[in-house]
């Protein structure tokens, strides 16, 4: 599936995150996640943690990215995976050598159970506060998807989450040296949110974006063409993602941006046009969906 040798994959990770840099753990070799997740993309398929770059770790599952952005002043966790994944995420954080109670904040991409179902449990285990956009707050607190969400009725409920801080588009979540900017990017879900920040390994820095899903997915009886205002909002969200200045893009589903293939060296890990390219792919998906609807499919 990944098409490169273990030596190449290990060299790629070593080039990005040498052991002991910034006083943070290097994590297991990237070959471990490539081997364990080969031909697996289940939301609760266990995966070992992996350092993607500098202080950015994936502590999720084979099919769901959960990011830990670490610092000596505390950590920020982005998403949780589904309910069943919460123990796996907690175990991965510990496996890296971090303490759960050093997770100070949890933030989210969008309010569907496969990405936030485990937040309530991880919030209880870590004592972390949760920050979210105003558009996502009600759904996160109730655990029920908004009826106007294209996937309402398709995705199930999840345990309600205590939201401690409501953030606006462009607002920054600061924790010690960490500065994460919220980008409102509604489309895939009503409360879809993307995050961006800068991470450095010595003199090498990358502009990182955790860009939310951009696929136009819905329940069977939903037609995007019947909701022109929602489509217009979706298109503005894609423009917002394209405008994020990023060269390392990570998405809630690793397959959306071929994360494992990039880790294996089959494609560059970084690209100055990463966010623009991801948004362009999202526009193609939306346009294709609208064309199918127009054709009566």
Protein backbone atom coordinates (compact mmCIF):
# COMPACT_ATOMS: atom_id res chain seq x y z
CA UNK A 1 0.00 0.00 0.00
CA UNK A 2 2.76 2.43 0.85
CA UNK A 3 5.38 1.29 -1.65
CA UNK A 4 8.59 2.40 0.08
CA UNK A 5 11.08 0.67 2.29
CA UNK A 6 11.09 0.90 6.06
CA UNK A 7 14.50 2.57 5.85
CA UNK A 8 13.16 5.38 3.69
CA UNK A 9 10.16 5.95 5.94
CA UNK A 10 12.36 6.02 9.03
CA UNK A 11 14.73 8.46 7.34
CA UNK A 12 11.82 10.73 6.47
CA UNK A 13 10.66 10.90 10.07
CA UNK A 14 14.18 11.35 11.36
CA UNK A 15 14.65 14.29 9.00
CA UNK A 16 11.51 15.93 10.29
CA UNK A 17 11.79 15.27 14.00
CA UNK A 18 15.17 14.23 15.43
CA UNK A 19 15.09 12.61 18.85
CA UNK A 20 15.20 14.97 21.77
CA UNK A 21 14.41 18.10 19.75
CA UNK A 22 12.59 20.76 21.81
CA UNK A 23 12.79 18.35 24.73
CA UNK A 24 9.79 16.43 23.35
CA UNK A 25 9.71 12.67 22.74
CA UNK A 26 10.39 11.49 19.19
CA UNK A 27 7.67 8.84 19.36
CA UNK A 28 7.83 5.39 17.75
CA UNK A 29 9.29 5.03 14.26
CA UNK A 30 6.89 5.97 11.50
CA UNK A 31 7.17 2.41 10.18
CA UNK A 32 5.04 1.22 13.11
CA UNK A 33 1.93 3.11 12.03
CA UNK A 34 2.54 2.26 8.37
CA UNK A 35 2.75 -1.44 9.17
CA UNK A 36 -0.13 -1.52 11.66
CA UNK A 37 -2.53 0.52 9.52
CA UNK A 38 -1.74 -1.05 6.17
CA UNK A 39 -5.10 -1.78 4.49
CA UNK A 40 -6.94 -0.54 7.60
CA UNK A 41 -8.98 2.63 7.94
CA UNK A 42 -11.56 1.78 10.60
CA UNK A 43 -12.46 4.58 12.98
CA UNK A 44 -11.48 2.42 15.97
CA UNK A 45 -8.67 0.39 14.40
CA UNK A 46 -5.81 0.83 16.91
CA UNK A 47 -2.76 2.72 15.68
CA UNK A 48 0.48 3.62 17.45
CA UNK A 49 1.22 7.32 17.95
CA UNK A 50 3.47 9.02 15.44
CA UNK A 51 5.25 12.35 15.42
CA UNK A 52 4.32 14.12 12.19
CA UNK A 53 6.62 17.08 12.67
CA UNK A 54 8.23 18.86 15.62
CA UNK A 55 5.59 19.07 18.37
CA UNK A 56 2.71 17.65 16.29
CA UNK A 57 1.70 14.05 16.97
CA UNK A 58 -1.08 11.87 15.61
CA UNK A 59 -2.51 9.95 18.58
CA UNK A 60 -5.62 8.69 16.81
CA UNK A 61 -6.63 5.50 15.03
CA UNK A 62 -5.92 4.11 11.59
CA UNK A 63 -8.98 5.82 10.14
CA UNK A 64 -9.26 8.97 12.25
CA UNK A 65 -6.60 11.59 12.91
CA UNK A 66 -6.42 12.95 16.45
CA UNK A 67 -3.67 15.51 16.85
CA UNK A 68 -1.70 16.38 19.95
CA UNK A 69 0.16 19.69 19.71
CA UNK A 70 2.60 19.60 22.60
CA UNK A 71 4.57 22.16 24.56
CA UNK A 72 6.37 22.33 27.88
CA UNK A 73 3.52 24.57 29.08
CA UNK A 74 0.76 22.07 28.26
CA UNK A 75 -0.81 20.49 25.23
CA UNK A 76 -3.77 20.98 22.89
CA UNK A 77 -5.72 17.96 21.61
CA UNK A 78 -7.57 18.28 18.31
CA UNK A 79 -10.54 15.87 18.03
CA UNK A 80 -10.95 12.52 19.77
CA UNK A 81 -12.26 9.93 17.36
CA UNK A 82 -15.47 8.04 18.25
CA UNK A 83 -16.43 6.96 21.75
CA UNK A 84 -14.65 3.63 21.31
CA UNK A 85 -11.39 5.37 20.42
CA UNK A 86 -11.08 7.45 23.59
CA UNK A 87 -9.12 4.76 25.51
CA UNK A 88 -6.83 4.30 22.50
CA UNK A 89 -6.14 8.04 22.30
CA UNK A 90 -5.43 8.22 26.04
CA UNK A 91 -3.09 5.23 25.78
CA UNK A 92 -1.25 6.82 22.84
CA UNK A 93 -0.72 10.05 24.77
CA UNK A 94 0.73 8.08 27.66
CA UNK A 95 2.83 5.94 25.31
CA UNK A 96 4.56 9.10 24.12
CA UNK A 97 5.53 9.86 27.71
CA UNK A 98 3.04 12.68 28.20
CA UNK A 99 0.69 13.01 31.15
CA UNK A 100 -3.02 13.19 30.45
CA UNK A 101 -3.49 16.06 32.87
CA UNK A 102 -1.04 18.15 30.85
CA UNK A 103 -3.65 18.34 28.08
CA UNK A 104 -5.02 21.81 28.80
CA UNK A 105 -7.37 22.31 25.82
CA UNK A 106 -9.41 20.16 23.45
CA UNK A 107 -10.66 21.63 20.18
CA UNK A 108 -12.67 20.03 17.39
CA UNK A 109 -13.06 19.85 13.63
CA UNK A 110 -16.77 19.07 13.24
CA UNK A 111 -19.57 17.79 15.40
CA UNK A 112 -19.98 14.24 14.08
CA UNK A 113 -19.55 11.24 16.34
CA UNK A 114 -16.61 9.76 14.45
CA UNK A 115 -14.51 12.81 15.32
CA UNK A 116 -15.86 14.07 18.66
CA UNK A 117 -17.58 11.05 20.21
CA UNK A 118 -14.70 10.54 22.64
CA UNK A 119 -14.23 14.17 23.66
CA UNK A 120 -16.42 13.96 26.79
CA UNK A 121 -14.45 10.96 28.08
CA UNK A 122 -11.08 12.55 27.30
CA UNK A 123 -12.23 15.81 28.87
CA UNK A 124 -13.06 13.88 32.04
CA UNK A 125 -9.73 12.03 32.02
CA UNK A 126 -7.57 15.08 31.34
CA UNK A 127 -9.50 17.88 33.03
CA UNK A 128 -9.03 19.88 29.84
CA UNK A 129 -11.22 22.75 28.76
CA UNK A 130 -12.97 22.62 25.40
CA UNK A 131 -12.95 25.52 22.94
CA UNK A 132 -15.30 25.58 19.96
CA UNK A 133 -16.92 27.88 17.44
CA UNK A 134 -20.34 29.35 18.14
CA UNK A 135 -21.75 27.34 15.22
CA UNK A 136 -20.66 24.04 16.79
CA UNK A 137 -21.44 24.78 20.43
CA UNK A 138 -25.06 23.58 20.68
CA UNK A 139 -24.38 20.33 18.86
CA UNK A 140 -21.30 19.61 20.96
CA UNK A 141 -23.12 20.31 24.22
CA UNK A 142 -26.21 18.26 23.33
CA UNK A 143 -24.49 15.52 21.35
CA UNK A 144 -27.16 15.88 18.67
CA UNK A 145 -26.47 16.94 15.09
CA UNK A 146 -28.26 20.08 13.85
CA UNK A 147 -31.35 19.18 11.76
CA UNK A 148 -30.02 21.45 8.99
CA UNK A 149 -26.80 19.43 8.75
CA UNK A 150 -26.74 17.49 5.46
CA UNK A 151 -25.90 14.35 7.43
CA UNK A 152 -28.59 14.79 10.09
CA UNK A 153 -30.21 11.40 10.57
CA UNK A 154 -27.21 9.69 9.03
CA UNK A 155 -24.73 10.20 11.86
CA UNK A 156 -25.62 9.16 15.37
CA UNK A 157 -25.57 11.04 18.67
CA UNK A 158 -22.56 11.24 20.97
CA UNK A 159 -21.99 12.11 24.64
CA UNK A 160 -22.52 15.80 25.31
CA UNK A 161 -19.43 17.93 25.85
CA UNK A 162 -18.88 20.84 28.22
CA UNK A 163 -17.82 23.81 26.07
CA UNK A 164 -15.75 26.21 28.16
CA UNK A 165 -14.87 28.81 25.56
CA UNK A 166 -16.66 29.99 22.44
CA UNK A 167 -14.31 31.36 19.80
CA UNK A 168 -14.88 33.47 16.71
CA UNK A 169 -13.44 33.14 13.24
CA UNK A 170 -9.81 34.31 13.29
CA UNK A 171 -9.50 34.16 17.08
CA UNK A 172 -6.35 32.62 18.58
CA UNK A 173 -6.17 29.95 21.27
CA UNK A 174 -2.91 30.62 23.15
CA UNK A 175 -1.18 28.21 25.51
CA UNK A 176 2.42 29.04 26.34
CA UNK A 177 4.24 29.08 22.99
CA UNK A 178 1.26 27.53 21.15
CA UNK A 179 -0.88 29.84 19.04
CA UNK A 180 -3.75 28.06 17.26
CA UNK A 181 -6.00 30.13 15.00
CA UNK A 182 -9.64 29.12 14.48
CA UNK A 183 -11.03 29.23 10.94
CA UNK A 184 -14.79 28.85 10.50
CA UNK A 185 -15.19 26.49 7.52
CA UNK A 186 -18.84 25.25 7.54
CA UNK A 187 -19.88 22.93 4.74
CA UNK A 188 -19.21 19.29 5.49
CA UNK A 189 -21.04 20.07 8.76
CA UNK A 190 -22.70 23.18 10.12
CA UNK A 191 -19.98 23.74 12.71
CA UNK A 192 -16.99 22.66 10.63
CA UNK A 193 -13.84 24.32 11.94
CA UNK A 194 -10.22 24.33 10.76
CA UNK A 195 -7.15 25.26 12.80
CA UNK A 196 -3.73 26.60 11.86
CA UNK A 197 -0.47 27.25 13.67
CA UNK A 198 3.30 27.33 13.21
CA UNK A 199 5.53 24.52 14.44
CA UNK A 200 9.32 24.57 14.39
CA UNK A 201 12.08 21.99 14.72
CA UNK A 202 15.20 24.04 15.31
CA UNK A 203 15.43 26.42 12.36
CA UNK A 204 13.00 24.39 10.23
CA UNK A 205 9.42 25.63 10.53
CA UNK A 206 6.16 24.60 8.91
CA UNK A 207 2.82 26.36 8.72
CA UNK A 208 0.47 23.59 9.83
CA UNK A 209 -3.26 23.37 9.15
CA UNK A 210 -5.71 20.87 10.56
CA UNK A 211 -8.20 21.49 7.76
CA UNK A 212 -11.66 20.07 8.27
CA UNK A 213 -13.36 17.63 5.92
CA UNK A 214 -14.57 19.14 2.65
CA UNK A 215 -16.63 16.31 1.16
CA UNK A 216 -20.26 17.02 0.23
CA UNK A 217 -21.72 13.99 2.01
CA UNK A 218 -25.37 13.75 3.02
CA UNK A 219 -28.25 11.45 3.88
CA UNK A 220 -30.04 9.92 0.91
CA UNK A 221 -32.94 12.37 0.75
CA UNK A 222 -30.82 15.54 0.99
CA UNK A 223 -30.13 17.53 -2.17
CA UNK A 224 -27.57 20.32 -1.99
CA UNK A 225 -29.29 21.99 -4.96
CA UNK A 226 -32.37 22.48 -2.77
CA UNK A 227 -30.26 24.51 -0.32
CA UNK A 228 -28.50 27.25 -2.33
CA UNK A 229 -27.65 29.27 0.78
CA UNK A 230 -25.89 26.27 2.28
CA UNK A 231 -23.99 25.68 -0.96
CA UNK A 232 -22.91 29.33 -0.99
CA UNK A 233 -21.71 28.99 2.60
CA UNK A 234 -19.86 25.80 1.66
CA UNK A 235 -18.10 27.58 -1.21
CA UNK A 236 -17.04 30.42 1.08
CA UNK A 237 -15.63 27.84 3.50
CA UNK A 238 -13.57 26.31 0.72
CA UNK A 239 -12.27 29.78 -0.11
CA UNK A 240 -11.36 30.22 3.56
CA UNK A 241 -9.38 26.96 3.58
CA UNK A 242 -7.61 27.98 0.38
CA UNK A 243 -6.63 31.25 2.05
CA UNK A 244 -4.93 29.54 5.01
CA UNK A 245 -1.18 29.95 4.65
CA UNK A 246 -0.08 26.35 5.15
CA UNK A 247 2.52 24.00 3.78
CA UNK A 248 1.67 21.00 5.99
CA UNK A 249 -1.99 20.05 5.79
CA UNK A 250 -3.54 17.36 7.98
CA UNK A 251 -7.18 16.29 7.81
CA UNK A 252 -9.58 14.42 10.14
CA UNK A 253 -9.52 11.40 7.82
CA UNK A 254 -5.91 10.57 6.89
CA UNK A 255 -6.93 9.28 3.47
CA UNK A 256 -8.31 12.68 2.42
CA UNK A 257 -4.78 14.03 2.05
CA UNK A 258 -2.93 10.69 1.66
CA UNK A 259 -1.22 11.16 5.01
CA UNK A 260 0.19 7.63 5.23
CA UNK A 261 1.52 7.76 1.68
CA UNK A 262 3.23 11.04 2.49
CA UNK A 263 4.73 9.59 5.65
CA UNK A 264 6.02 6.67 3.59
CA UNK A 265 7.72 9.01 1.15
CA UNK A 266 5.44 8.27 -1.81
CA UNK A 267 4.60 11.98 -1.97
CA UNK A 268 6.07 15.11 -0.34
CA UNK A 269 5.05 15.56 3.29
CA UNK A 270 4.79 19.32 2.75
CA UNK A 271 3.73 21.53 -0.13
CA UNK A 272 3.50 25.37 -0.22
CA UNK A 273 0.14 24.97 -1.99
CA UNK A 274 -1.21 22.35 0.42
CA UNK A 275 -4.27 24.25 1.63
CA UNK A 276 -5.10 25.61 -1.83
CA UNK A 277 -4.85 22.14 -3.34
CA UNK A 278 -7.04 20.62 -0.64
CA UNK A 279 -9.69 23.31 -1.12
CA UNK A 280 -9.59 22.79 -4.90
CA UNK A 281 -10.23 19.08 -4.36
CA UNK A 282 -13.19 19.99 -2.16
CA UNK A 283 -14.61 22.25 -4.89
CA UNK A 284 -14.32 19.39 -7.36
CA UNK A 285 -16.23 17.13 -4.99
CA UNK A 286 -18.98 19.70 -4.44
CA UNK A 287 -19.30 20.49 -8.16
CA UNK A 288 -19.48 16.78 -8.97
CA UNK A 289 -22.21 16.29 -6.38
CA UNK A 290 -24.24 19.19 -7.79
CA UNK A 291 -23.80 17.84 -11.32
CA UNK A 292 -25.07 14.43 -10.27
CA UNK A 293 -28.10 16.00 -8.64
CA UNK A 294 -28.78 18.07 -11.76
CA UNK A 295 -28.64 14.87 -13.79
CA UNK A 296 -31.19 13.27 -11.47
CA UNK A 297 -28.72 10.84 -9.96
